[in-house]
Amino acid sequence: MEEKKEDFSRKILVVDDNQDGRELVVKILKNRGYQMIEAVDGEEALEKAIAENPDLILMDISIPKIDGYEVTKRLKSQIKFKDTPIIALTAHAMKGDREKAMEAGCEGYISKPIDIHGLPDQIKSYLKDK
């Protein structure tokens, strides 16, 4: 089966201003063969998403310059990103936060601290239709 090899062509943009958290996600997913792109704020997230056209975006909500909700709305308003899964990756785990992320256009929600063992399977499930 060619399934493992397929992951090597998958590009994931991780948007998180917390360096430790971002590096952890990058390390976990790089080990699974994904190409990783990083952004630390909303402006950089928009620039890199447009330039790199990732297969999936992990979006922290509390980021500098433009928050994750607004970045998600802006990307989802473009035809190019209509089918790109954007997953909220956030410590915002209060009642209503998941709904707010989904309303902004996120297809999924992963709360922090992340489950390092479960993350690859979560990512795989969001990419299965791509």
N, C-alpha and C. Protein backbone atom coordinates (compact mmCIF):
# COMPACT_ATOMS: atom_id res chain seq x y z
N MET A 1 0.83 -1.20 0.00
CA MET A 1 0.00 0.00 0.00
C MET A 1 0.87 1.25 0.00
N GLU A 2 0.38 2.29 -0.65
CA GLU A 2 1.14 3.53 -0.77
C GLU A 2 0.74 4.56 0.29
N GLU A 3 -0.11 4.21 1.23
CA GLU A 3 -0.67 5.19 2.16
C GLU A 3 0.36 6.02 2.91
N LYS A 4 1.39 5.38 3.44
CA LYS A 4 2.42 6.12 4.20
C LYS A 4 3.06 7.20 3.34
N LYS A 5 3.36 6.86 2.10
CA LYS A 5 4.05 7.79 1.20
C LYS A 5 3.20 9.03 0.91
N GLU A 6 1.90 8.85 0.88
CA GLU A 6 1.00 9.96 0.56
C GLU A 6 1.21 11.15 1.51
N ASP A 7 1.48 10.86 2.78
CA ASP A 7 1.65 11.91 3.76
C ASP A 7 2.79 12.86 3.43
N PHE A 8 3.81 12.37 2.69
CA PHE A 8 4.96 13.20 2.37
C PHE A 8 4.59 14.39 1.49
N SER A 9 3.50 14.28 0.77
CA SER A 9 3.10 15.38 -0.09
C SER A 9 2.14 16.34 0.63
N ARG A 10 1.74 15.99 1.82
CA ARG A 10 0.78 16.82 2.55
C ARG A 10 1.49 17.96 3.28
N LYS A 11 0.96 19.15 3.10
CA LYS A 11 1.54 20.34 3.71
C LYS A 11 0.61 20.86 4.80
N ILE A 12 1.15 21.10 5.97
CA ILE A 12 0.35 21.60 7.09
C ILE A 12 0.94 22.91 7.59
N LEU A 13 0.09 23.92 7.71
CA LEU A 13 0.48 25.20 8.29
C LEU A 13 0.06 25.21 9.75
N VAL A 14 1.03 25.44 10.64
CA VAL A 14 0.76 25.54 12.07
C VAL A 14 0.88 27.01 12.46
N VAL A 15 -0.20 27.57 12.97
CA VAL A 15 -0.21 28.98 13.38
C VAL A 15 -0.32 29.01 14.90
N ASP A 16 0.75 29.44 15.56
CA ASP A 16 0.76 29.49 17.02
C ASP A 16 1.89 30.42 17.45
N ASP A 17 1.57 31.37 18.32
CA ASP A 17 2.59 32.31 18.79
C ASP A 17 3.42 31.72 19.94
N ASN A 18 2.98 30.59 20.48
CA ASN A 18 3.74 29.94 21.54
C ASN A 18 4.77 29.01 20.89
N GLN A 19 6.04 29.39 21.01
CA GLN A 19 7.10 28.65 20.33
C GLN A 19 7.16 27.18 20.75
N ASP A 20 7.07 26.92 22.05
CA ASP A 20 7.16 25.54 22.53
C ASP A 20 6.02 24.68 21.98
N GLY A 21 4.82 25.22 22.03
CA GLY A 21 3.65 24.49 21.52
C GLY A 21 3.75 24.24 20.03
N ARG A 22 4.18 25.26 19.30
CA ARG A 22 4.31 25.15 17.84
C ARG A 22 5.39 24.11 17.48
N GLU A 23 6.52 24.18 18.17
CA GLU A 23 7.61 23.24 17.88
C GLU A 23 7.22 21.80 18.19
N LEU A 24 6.42 21.61 19.24
CA LEU A 24 5.96 20.27 19.59
C LEU A 24 5.08 19.69 18.47
N VAL A 25 4.14 20.49 17.99
CA VAL A 25 3.25 20.05 16.91
C VAL A 25 4.06 19.75 15.65
N VAL A 26 4.99 20.64 15.33
CA VAL A 26 5.83 20.46 14.14
C VAL A 26 6.62 19.17 14.24
N LYS A 27 7.22 18.94 15.40
CA LYS A 27 8.04 17.74 15.59
C LYS A 27 7.21 16.46 15.43
N ILE A 28 6.05 16.43 16.06
CA ILE A 28 5.17 15.25 16.00
C ILE A 28 4.77 14.96 14.55
N LEU A 29 4.35 16.01 13.83
CA LEU A 29 3.82 15.80 12.49
C LEU A 29 4.92 15.60 11.45
N LYS A 30 6.08 16.23 11.66
CA LYS A 30 7.22 16.01 10.76
C LYS A 30 7.65 14.55 10.82
N ASN A 31 7.61 13.98 12.03
CA ASN A 31 7.97 12.57 12.21
C ASN A 31 7.03 11.64 11.46
N ARG A 32 5.84 12.13 11.15
CA ARG A 32 4.87 11.34 10.38
C ARG A 32 4.98 11.62 8.89
N GLY A 33 5.93 12.46 8.50
CA GLY A 33 6.18 12.69 7.09
C GLY A 33 5.50 13.89 6.47
N TYR A 34 4.84 14.70 7.27
CA TYR A 34 4.18 15.89 6.72
C TYR A 34 5.20 17.01 6.50
N GLN A 35 4.95 17.84 5.49
CA GLN A 35 5.73 19.06 5.29
C GLN A 35 5.12 20.11 6.21
N MET A 36 5.94 20.77 7.00
CA MET A 36 5.41 21.72 7.97
C MET A 36 5.80 23.15 7.62
N ILE A 37 4.82 24.04 7.77
CA ILE A 37 5.02 25.48 7.58
C ILE A 37 4.59 26.11 8.89
N GLU A 38 5.29 27.15 9.33
CA GLU A 38 4.97 27.78 10.61
C GLU A 38 4.68 29.26 10.45
N ALA A 39 3.75 29.74 11.28
CA ALA A 39 3.44 31.16 11.36
C ALA A 39 3.20 31.51 12.82
N VAL A 40 3.60 32.72 13.22
CA VAL A 40 3.49 33.11 14.63
C VAL A 40 2.39 34.16 14.90
N ASP A 41 1.83 34.74 13.85
CA ASP A 41 0.75 35.71 14.05
C ASP A 41 -0.22 35.66 12.87
N GLY A 42 -1.30 36.40 13.00
CA GLY A 42 -2.34 36.37 11.99
C GLY A 42 -1.91 36.85 10.62
N GLU A 43 -1.09 37.90 10.58
CA GLU A 43 -0.64 38.43 9.29
C GLU A 43 0.24 37.40 8.57
N GLU A 44 1.17 36.81 9.33
CA GLU A 44 2.05 35.80 8.75
C GLU A 44 1.25 34.57 8.31
N ALA A 45 0.22 34.23 9.07
CA ALA A 45 -0.63 33.09 8.72
C ALA A 45 -1.30 33.31 7.37
N LEU A 46 -1.84 34.51 7.16
CA LEU A 46 -2.48 34.81 5.88
C LEU A 46 -1.47 34.76 4.74
N GLU A 47 -0.31 35.37 4.94
CA GLU A 47 0.74 35.39 3.90
C GLU A 47 1.17 33.97 3.54
N LYS A 48 1.47 33.17 4.55
CA LYS A 48 1.98 31.82 4.29
C LYS A 48 0.91 30.91 3.71
N ALA A 49 -0.33 31.06 4.15
CA ALA A 49 -1.42 30.24 3.61
C ALA A 49 -1.57 30.52 2.12
N ILE A 50 -1.56 31.79 1.74
CA ILE A 50 -1.73 32.17 0.34
C ILE A 50 -0.53 31.72 -0.50
N ALA A 51 0.68 31.88 0.04
CA ALA A 51 1.90 31.51 -0.70
C ALA A 51 2.09 30.00 -0.81
N GLU A 52 1.76 29.27 0.25
CA GLU A 52 2.08 27.84 0.32
C GLU A 52 0.92 26.90 -0.03
N ASN A 53 -0.30 27.40 0.05
CA ASN A 53 -1.50 26.61 -0.23
C ASN A 53 -1.48 25.26 0.51
N PRO A 54 -1.49 25.29 1.85
CA PRO A 54 -1.40 24.04 2.63
C PRO A 54 -2.65 23.17 2.48
N ASP A 55 -2.47 21.87 2.77
CA ASP A 55 -3.58 20.92 2.72
C ASP A 55 -4.45 21.02 3.97
N LEU A 56 -3.86 21.56 5.05
CA LEU A 56 -4.57 21.68 6.32
C LEU A 56 -3.91 22.81 7.12
N ILE A 57 -4.71 23.52 7.90
CA ILE A 57 -4.19 24.60 8.74
C ILE A 57 -4.62 24.35 10.18
N LEU A 58 -3.63 24.35 11.08
CA LEU A 58 -3.89 24.28 12.53
C LEU A 58 -3.80 25.71 13.04
N MET A 59 -4.91 26.24 13.50
CA MET A 59 -5.03 27.67 13.81
C MET A 59 -5.22 27.93 15.30
N ASP A 60 -4.20 28.52 15.93
CA ASP A 60 -4.38 28.98 17.30
C ASP A 60 -5.33 30.17 17.24
N ILE A 61 -6.17 30.32 18.23
CA ILE A 61 -7.14 31.41 18.22
C ILE A 61 -6.54 32.70 18.78
N SER A 62 -5.79 32.59 19.87
CA SER A 62 -5.19 33.78 20.51
C SER A 62 -3.79 34.04 19.96
N ILE A 63 -3.76 34.71 18.81
CA ILE A 63 -2.48 35.05 18.19
C ILE A 63 -2.41 36.56 17.97
N PRO A 64 -1.20 37.12 17.91
CA PRO A 64 -1.04 38.57 17.73
C PRO A 64 -1.50 39.05 16.35
N LYS A 65 -1.69 40.35 16.28
CA LYS A 65 -2.04 41.10 15.06
C LYS A 65 -3.47 40.85 14.59
N ILE A 66 -3.77 39.65 14.12
CA ILE A 66 -5.13 39.30 13.69
C ILE A 66 -5.46 37.97 14.37
N ASP A 67 -6.56 37.90 15.13
CA ASP A 67 -6.82 36.65 15.86
C ASP A 67 -7.22 35.52 14.90
N GLY A 68 -7.16 34.30 15.43
CA GLY A 68 -7.42 33.11 14.62
C GLY A 68 -8.81 33.06 14.02
N TYR A 69 -9.79 33.60 14.71
CA TYR A 69 -11.15 33.63 14.17
C TYR A 69 -11.18 34.45 12.88
N GLU A 70 -10.57 35.64 12.95
CA GLU A 70 -10.58 36.54 11.80
C GLU A 70 -9.75 35.98 10.64
N VAL A 71 -8.60 35.39 10.94
CA VAL A 71 -7.78 34.78 9.88
C VAL A 71 -8.59 33.68 9.19
N THR A 72 -9.26 32.86 9.98
CA THR A 72 -10.07 31.78 9.42
C THR A 72 -11.17 32.34 8.52
N LYS A 73 -11.87 33.37 8.99
CA LYS A 73 -12.94 33.98 8.18
C LYS A 73 -12.39 34.51 6.86
N ARG A 74 -11.24 35.19 6.93
CA ARG A 74 -10.64 35.75 5.71
C ARG A 74 -10.24 34.66 4.73
N LEU A 75 -9.65 33.59 5.23
CA LEU A 75 -9.23 32.50 4.34
C LEU A 75 -10.46 31.80 3.74
N LYS A 76 -11.44 31.54 4.58
CA LYS A 76 -12.63 30.82 4.11
C LYS A 76 -13.47 31.64 3.12
N SER A 77 -13.26 32.95 3.10
CA SER A 77 -13.98 33.80 2.15
C SER A 77 -13.38 33.69 0.75
N GLN A 78 -12.22 33.05 0.64
CA GLN A 78 -11.56 32.86 -0.66
C GLN A 78 -11.87 31.46 -1.20
N ILE A 79 -12.20 31.39 -2.46
CA ILE A 79 -12.52 30.10 -3.08
C ILE A 79 -11.38 29.10 -2.91
N LYS A 80 -10.15 29.59 -3.01
CA LYS A 80 -8.95 28.74 -2.89
C LYS A 80 -8.93 27.93 -1.59
N PHE A 81 -9.53 28.47 -0.51
CA PHE A 81 -9.48 27.81 0.80
C PHE A 81 -10.82 27.22 1.23
N LYS A 82 -11.78 27.24 0.33
CA LYS A 82 -13.12 26.74 0.66
C LYS A 82 -13.07 25.30 1.19
N ASP A 83 -12.23 24.45 0.57
CA ASP A 83 -12.15 23.05 0.95
C ASP A 83 -10.93 22.70 1.80
N THR A 84 -10.18 23.71 2.23
CA THR A 84 -9.01 23.47 3.08
C THR A 84 -9.47 23.37 4.53
N PRO A 85 -9.23 22.22 5.18
CA PRO A 85 -9.64 22.13 6.59
C PRO A 85 -8.81 23.08 7.46
N ILE A 86 -9.51 23.88 8.24
CA ILE A 86 -8.86 24.73 9.23
C ILE A 86 -9.32 24.22 10.59
N ILE A 87 -8.36 23.82 11.41
CA ILE A 87 -8.66 23.23 12.70
C ILE A 87 -8.21 24.18 13.80
N ALA A 88 -9.13 24.57 14.67
CA ALA A 88 -8.76 25.42 15.80
C ALA A 88 -7.89 24.60 16.75
N LEU A 89 -6.74 25.15 17.11
CA LEU A 89 -5.81 24.49 18.02
C LEU A 89 -5.64 25.49 19.15
N THR A 90 -6.36 25.28 20.25
CA THR A 90 -6.46 26.37 21.20
C THR A 90 -6.65 25.93 22.65
N ALA A 91 -6.21 26.80 23.52
CA ALA A 91 -6.42 26.59 24.96
C ALA A 91 -7.80 27.13 25.36
N HIS A 92 -8.50 27.77 24.43
CA HIS A 92 -9.87 28.26 24.69
C HIS A 92 -10.79 27.06 24.77
N ALA A 93 -11.02 26.57 25.95
CA ALA A 93 -11.85 25.37 26.08
C ALA A 93 -13.09 25.65 26.92
N MET A 94 -13.51 26.89 26.94
CA MET A 94 -14.70 27.26 27.70
C MET A 94 -15.95 26.94 26.87
N LYS A 95 -17.06 26.87 27.55
CA LYS A 95 -18.33 26.60 26.88
C LYS A 95 -18.55 27.68 25.81
N GLY A 96 -18.85 27.26 24.62
CA GLY A 96 -19.11 28.20 23.53
C GLY A 96 -17.90 28.45 22.64
N ASP A 97 -16.69 28.15 23.10
CA ASP A 97 -15.50 28.39 22.29
C ASP A 97 -15.48 27.52 21.03
N ARG A 98 -15.85 26.26 21.19
CA ARG A 98 -15.88 25.35 20.03
C ARG A 98 -16.86 25.88 18.99
N GLU A 99 -18.04 26.30 19.45
CA GLU A 99 -19.07 26.82 18.54
C GLU A 99 -18.57 28.07 17.82
N LYS A 100 -17.89 28.94 18.57
CA LYS A 100 -17.37 30.18 17.98
C LYS A 100 -16.34 29.86 16.89
N ALA A 101 -15.49 28.87 17.14
CA ALA A 101 -14.50 28.46 16.15
C ALA A 101 -15.17 27.90 14.90
N MET A 102 -16.20 27.09 15.10
CA MET A 102 -16.92 26.50 13.97
C MET A 102 -17.64 27.58 13.15
N GLU A 103 -18.21 28.56 13.86
CA GLU A 103 -18.90 29.66 13.17
C GLU A 103 -17.92 30.47 12.32
N ALA A 104 -16.69 30.58 12.76
CA ALA A 104 -15.67 31.33 12.01
C ALA A 104 -15.24 30.57 10.75
N GLY A 105 -15.53 29.26 10.71
CA GLY A 105 -15.19 28.47 9.53
C GLY A 105 -14.29 27.28 9.80
N CYS A 106 -13.94 27.05 11.06
CA CYS A 106 -13.10 25.90 11.39
C CYS A 106 -13.90 24.60 11.21
N GLU A 107 -13.22 23.58 10.71
CA GLU A 107 -13.86 22.27 10.55
C GLU A 107 -13.68 21.39 11.76
N GLY A 108 -12.77 21.77 12.63
CA GLY A 108 -12.50 20.95 13.80
C GLY A 108 -11.93 21.78 14.92
N TYR A 109 -11.71 21.11 16.05
CA TYR A 109 -11.30 21.81 17.26
C TYR A 109 -10.44 20.87 18.08
N ILE A 110 -9.20 21.24 18.31
CA ILE A 110 -8.29 20.46 19.15
C ILE A 110 -7.88 21.35 20.31
N SER A 111 -8.19 20.91 21.53
CA SER A 111 -7.86 21.76 22.68
C SER A 111 -6.45 21.47 23.18
N LYS A 112 -5.85 22.52 23.74
CA LYS A 112 -4.52 22.41 24.33
C LYS A 112 -4.69 22.15 25.82
N PRO A 113 -3.78 21.47 26.47
CA PRO A 113 -2.59 20.86 25.88
C PRO A 113 -2.99 19.72 24.94
N ILE A 114 -2.25 19.60 23.84
CA ILE A 114 -2.59 18.58 22.85
C ILE A 114 -2.25 17.19 23.35
N ASP A 115 -2.98 16.23 22.84
CA ASP A 115 -2.71 14.82 23.11
C ASP A 115 -1.67 14.40 22.07
N ILE A 116 -0.41 14.31 22.48
CA ILE A 116 0.67 14.04 21.52
C ILE A 116 0.53 12.68 20.85
N HIS A 117 -0.12 11.75 21.52
CA HIS A 117 -0.29 10.42 20.92
C HIS A 117 -1.48 10.39 19.95
N GLY A 118 -2.49 11.19 20.23
CA GLY A 118 -3.69 11.20 19.40
C GLY A 118 -3.65 12.17 18.23
N LEU A 119 -2.74 13.17 18.29
CA LEU A 119 -2.69 14.21 17.27
C LEU A 119 -2.54 13.67 15.84
N PRO A 120 -1.60 12.76 15.57
CA PRO A 120 -1.46 12.28 14.18
C PRO A 120 -2.74 11.67 13.61
N ASP A 121 -3.47 10.91 14.43
CA ASP A 121 -4.72 10.32 13.96
C ASP A 121 -5.79 11.39 13.73
N GLN A 122 -5.80 12.41 14.59
CA GLN A 122 -6.75 13.51 14.40
C GLN A 122 -6.46 14.21 13.06
N ILE A 123 -5.20 14.48 12.80
CA ILE A 123 -4.82 15.16 11.58
C ILE A 123 -5.20 14.30 10.36
N LYS A 124 -4.89 13.03 10.44
CA LYS A 124 -5.20 12.10 9.36
C LYS A 124 -6.70 12.09 9.05
N SER A 125 -7.51 12.14 10.12
CA SER A 125 -8.97 12.11 9.90
C SER A 125 -9.46 13.38 9.19
N TYR A 126 -8.82 14.51 9.45
CA TYR A 126 -9.22 15.76 8.77
C TYR A 126 -8.74 15.79 7.32
N LEU A 127 -7.69 15.04 7.01
CA LEU A 127 -7.14 15.01 5.65
C LEU A 127 -7.74 13.91 4.78
N LYS A 128 -8.54 13.03 5.34
CA LYS A 128 -9.00 11.86 4.59
C LYS A 128 -9.81 12.21 3.35
N ASP A 129 -10.49 13.33 3.38
CA ASP A 129 -11.34 13.71 2.22
C ASP A 129 -10.59 14.55 1.21
N LYS A 130 -9.39 14.97 1.54
CA LYS A 130 -8.64 15.87 0.63
C LYS A 130 -7.99 15.10 -0.49
